[in-house]
């Protein structure tokens, strides 16, 4: 959650400041950036949640999350130069909101699939701390790093975070570890039945 959320959160708060910056590129008008945020946060984010929620059972968490993180990686790599073309920068903002909306839609389901109905919600609360830490790091980066290294370095740092996320995702297996959860009494009814059936098959 920390690595996957770092760039998206940073760009969500920095897109307007960077877009209107007159230092290194022609500034984009406030109205264009406002429309991008309104459409992205409202229409795109909402539609993404509905669409990915319906696709999750068919395609699974890993494939959908990989698509979202790849989109974030592309945005993090091109957004610094995309500002020279307002339509492309507009698209980057929309893709960023799409990725954030989709991530928070499919992540809870994956946690439940891995940790079970009983422990999943409790584990997800702790996983959400990664989002909080990402926000804190973004605040510190904006205060202490941005004035000295600039937007480009922080955007590319976000690219590194996305690559780390994709590498972790490649090693990830989305399956319920019944035996491990049973050792910690984290399974109820269905899980206990499954364990008993497995033990019976072994005998």
Protein backbone atom coordinates (compact mmCIF):
# COMPACT_ATOMS: atom_id res chain seq x y z
CA UNK A 1 0.00 0.00 0.00
CA UNK A 2 2.86 2.37 0.81
CA UNK A 3 4.70 2.03 -2.51
CA UNK A 4 1.57 1.74 -4.64
CA UNK A 5 0.03 4.85 -3.10
CA UNK A 6 3.06 7.14 -2.91
CA UNK A 7 3.09 8.62 -6.41
CA UNK A 8 -0.68 8.75 -6.83
CA UNK A 9 -1.10 10.73 -3.64
CA UNK A 10 1.77 13.07 -4.46
CA UNK A 11 0.55 13.80 -7.99
CA UNK A 12 -3.04 14.27 -6.79
CA UNK A 13 -1.88 17.19 -4.63
CA UNK A 14 0.96 18.46 -6.84
CA UNK A 15 -0.59 18.40 -10.33
CA UNK A 16 -2.06 21.91 -10.02
CA UNK A 17 1.03 23.52 -8.50
CA UNK A 18 3.24 22.00 -11.18
CA UNK A 19 0.78 22.66 -14.00
CA UNK A 20 0.53 26.35 -13.15
CA UNK A 21 4.28 26.73 -12.53
CA UNK A 22 5.75 29.29 -14.92
CA UNK A 23 9.36 28.42 -14.25
CA UNK A 24 10.16 25.64 -16.71
CA UNK A 25 7.12 25.39 -19.01
CA UNK A 26 4.12 27.35 -20.30
CA UNK A 27 1.55 27.35 -17.48
CA UNK A 28 -1.72 25.49 -17.92
CA UNK A 29 -4.83 27.51 -17.15
CA UNK A 30 -6.56 27.07 -13.83
CA UNK A 31 -9.85 26.21 -15.55
CA UNK A 32 -8.30 23.28 -17.45
CA UNK A 33 -6.74 21.87 -14.30
CA UNK A 34 -9.97 22.34 -12.35
CA UNK A 35 -11.95 20.50 -15.02
CA UNK A 36 -9.39 17.69 -15.01
CA UNK A 37 -9.68 17.28 -11.25
CA UNK A 38 -13.47 17.48 -11.30
CA UNK A 39 -13.86 14.87 -14.03
CA UNK A 40 -11.12 12.70 -12.57
CA UNK A 41 -12.27 12.72 -8.96
CA UNK A 42 -15.95 12.45 -9.81
CA UNK A 43 -16.65 10.64 -13.07
CA UNK A 44 -13.46 8.65 -13.70
CA UNK A 45 -12.86 7.62 -10.09
CA UNK A 46 -16.48 6.58 -9.60
CA UNK A 47 -16.78 4.68 -12.89
CA UNK A 48 -13.49 2.89 -12.23
CA UNK A 49 -14.77 1.64 -8.88
CA UNK A 50 -17.92 0.24 -10.52
CA UNK A 51 -16.14 -1.31 -13.51
CA UNK A 52 -13.27 -2.93 -11.61
CA UNK A 53 -15.65 -4.18 -8.94
CA UNK A 54 -17.55 -6.07 -11.62
CA UNK A 55 -14.38 -7.36 -13.32
CA UNK A 56 -12.67 -8.56 -10.16
CA UNK A 57 -14.32 -11.98 -9.98
CA UNK A 58 -13.51 -12.73 -13.61
CA UNK A 59 -9.95 -11.44 -13.91
CA UNK A 60 -8.66 -11.50 -10.32
CA UNK A 61 -6.80 -8.98 -8.20
CA UNK A 62 -3.32 -9.54 -9.56
CA UNK A 63 -4.11 -8.79 -13.21
CA UNK A 64 -6.24 -5.72 -12.48
CA UNK A 65 -3.80 -4.32 -9.93
CA UNK A 66 -0.91 -4.82 -12.37
CA UNK A 67 -2.79 -2.80 -15.01
CA UNK A 68 -3.42 0.02 -12.52
CA UNK A 69 0.18 0.11 -11.34
CA UNK A 70 1.49 0.05 -14.91
CA UNK A 71 -0.73 3.05 -15.70
CA UNK A 72 0.69 4.81 -12.65
CA UNK A 73 4.22 4.00 -13.79
CA UNK A 74 3.55 5.50 -17.23
CA UNK A 75 2.01 8.62 -15.68
CA UNK A 76 4.96 9.07 -13.31
CA UNK A 77 7.41 8.82 -16.22
CA UNK A 78 5.65 11.18 -18.64
CA UNK A 79 3.85 13.75 -16.46
CA UNK A 80 6.91 15.99 -16.09
CA UNK A 81 7.10 16.49 -19.87
CA UNK A 82 3.37 16.06 -20.55
CA UNK A 83 2.76 19.52 -19.10
CA UNK A 84 3.89 20.99 -22.45
CA UNK A 85 0.75 19.48 -24.00
CA UNK A 86 -2.28 20.38 -21.87
CA UNK A 87 -4.41 17.56 -23.30
CA UNK A 88 -1.76 14.98 -22.36
CA UNK A 89 -1.35 16.43 -18.86
CA UNK A 90 -5.15 16.37 -18.57
CA UNK A 91 -5.07 12.67 -19.44
CA UNK A 92 -2.36 12.00 -16.84
CA UNK A 93 -4.57 13.52 -14.16
CA UNK A 94 -7.51 11.34 -15.21
CA UNK A 95 -5.35 8.19 -15.21
CA UNK A 96 -4.07 9.04 -11.75
CA UNK A 97 -7.59 9.30 -10.34
CA UNK A 98 -8.51 6.09 -12.15
CA UNK A 99 -5.63 4.21 -10.55
CA UNK A 100 -6.35 5.51 -7.05
CA UNK A 101 -10.05 4.70 -7.30
CA UNK A 102 -9.41 1.23 -8.66
CA UNK A 103 -6.77 0.42 -6.07
CA UNK A 104 -9.02 1.14 -3.11
CA UNK A 105 -11.80 -0.87 -4.75
CA UNK A 106 -10.00 -4.17 -5.34
CA UNK A 107 -7.50 -4.12 -2.46
CA UNK A 108 -10.00 -4.98 0.32
CA UNK A 109 -11.28 -7.99 -1.63
CA UNK A 110 -7.74 -9.31 -2.06
CA UNK A 111 -7.02 -8.94 1.66
CA UNK A 112 -10.20 -10.87 2.44
CA UNK A 113 -9.27 -13.62 -0.03
CA UNK A 114 -5.84 -14.03 1.56
CA UNK A 115 -6.66 -13.60 5.25
CA UNK A 116 -10.25 -14.83 5.35
CA UNK A 117 -13.55 -13.28 6.35
CA UNK A 118 -12.66 -13.22 10.04
CA UNK A 119 -9.18 -11.66 9.93
CA UNK A 120 -9.35 -9.84 6.59
CA UNK A 121 -11.08 -6.64 7.79
CA UNK A 122 -8.76 -6.41 10.80
CA UNK A 123 -5.66 -6.87 8.64
CA UNK A 124 -6.89 -4.31 6.10
CA UNK A 125 -7.06 -1.65 8.80
CA UNK A 126 -3.33 -2.13 9.37
CA UNK A 127 -2.61 -2.20 5.65
CA UNK A 128 -4.35 1.16 5.30
CA UNK A 129 -1.62 2.61 7.51
CA UNK A 130 0.57 2.38 4.42
CA UNK A 131 -1.63 5.01 2.80
CA UNK A 132 -1.20 7.23 5.86
CA UNK A 133 2.59 6.78 5.79
CA UNK A 134 2.60 7.63 2.07
CA UNK A 135 0.73 10.86 2.82
CA UNK A 136 3.21 11.75 5.56
CA UNK A 137 6.16 11.07 3.23
CA UNK A 138 4.53 13.22 0.56
CA UNK A 139 4.17 16.08 3.02
CA UNK A 140 7.80 15.79 4.11
CA UNK A 141 8.97 15.51 0.50
CA UNK A 142 7.03 18.63 -0.47
CA UNK A 143 8.42 20.64 2.44
CA UNK A 144 12.04 19.52 2.50
CA UNK A 145 12.90 17.94 -0.88
CA UNK A 146 10.81 19.74 -3.48
CA UNK A 147 12.52 23.14 -3.08
CA UNK A 148 15.96 21.59 -3.64
CA UNK A 149 15.43 18.71 -6.10
CA UNK A 150 12.34 19.88 -8.00
CA UNK A 151 9.29 18.11 -9.37
CA UNK A 152 11.15 15.91 -11.84
CA UNK A 153 13.16 14.10 -9.17
CA UNK A 154 10.07 13.46 -7.04
CA UNK A 155 8.08 12.24 -10.04
CA UNK A 156 10.86 9.79 -10.89
CA UNK A 157 11.09 8.72 -7.26
CA UNK A 158 7.42 7.84 -7.66
CA UNK A 159 8.39 5.77 -10.72
CA UNK A 160 10.82 3.79 -8.56
CA UNK A 161 8.04 3.17 -6.05
CA UNK A 162 5.81 1.87 -8.85
CA UNK A 163 8.53 -0.50 -10.08
CA UNK A 164 8.94 -1.85 -6.53
CA UNK A 165 5.17 -2.36 -6.36
CA UNK A 166 5.16 -4.33 -9.62
CA UNK A 167 8.05 -6.50 -8.42
CA UNK A 168 6.24 -7.26 -5.16
CA UNK A 169 3.07 -8.01 -7.12
CA UNK A 170 4.97 -10.44 -9.36
CA UNK A 171 5.95 -12.49 -6.29
CA UNK A 172 2.49 -12.27 -4.72
CA UNK A 173 0.13 -15.27 -4.56
CA UNK A 174 -3.54 -14.55 -3.95
CA UNK A 175 -4.69 -17.61 -2.07
CA UNK A 176 -6.06 -18.39 1.36
CA UNK A 177 -3.46 -20.02 3.60
CA UNK A 178 -5.91 -22.20 5.53
CA UNK A 179 -3.37 -24.06 7.66
CA UNK A 180 -1.57 -20.91 8.83
CA UNK A 181 -4.82 -19.15 9.67
CA UNK A 182 -6.10 -22.21 11.51
CA UNK A 183 -3.02 -22.21 13.75
CA UNK A 184 -3.96 -18.72 14.92
CA UNK A 185 -7.65 -19.59 15.27
CA UNK A 186 -8.44 -17.06 12.54
CA UNK A 187 -10.93 -19.26 10.70
CA UNK A 188 -14.59 -19.73 11.39
CA UNK A 189 -17.09 -22.37 10.27
CA UNK A 190 -16.23 -22.73 6.56
CA UNK A 191 -12.48 -22.61 7.19
CA UNK A 192 -12.72 -25.18 9.97
CA UNK A 193 -14.76 -27.45 7.75
CA UNK A 194 -12.14 -27.11 5.03
CA UNK A 195 -9.35 -28.02 7.45
CA UNK A 196 -11.26 -31.05 8.71
CA UNK A 197 -11.98 -32.21 5.18
CA UNK A 198 -8.31 -31.87 4.30
CA UNK A 199 -7.30 -33.88 7.36
CA UNK A 200 -9.85 -36.56 6.47
CA UNK A 201 -8.49 -36.83 2.95
CA UNK A 202 -4.97 -37.30 4.27
CA UNK A 203 -6.12 -40.24 6.41
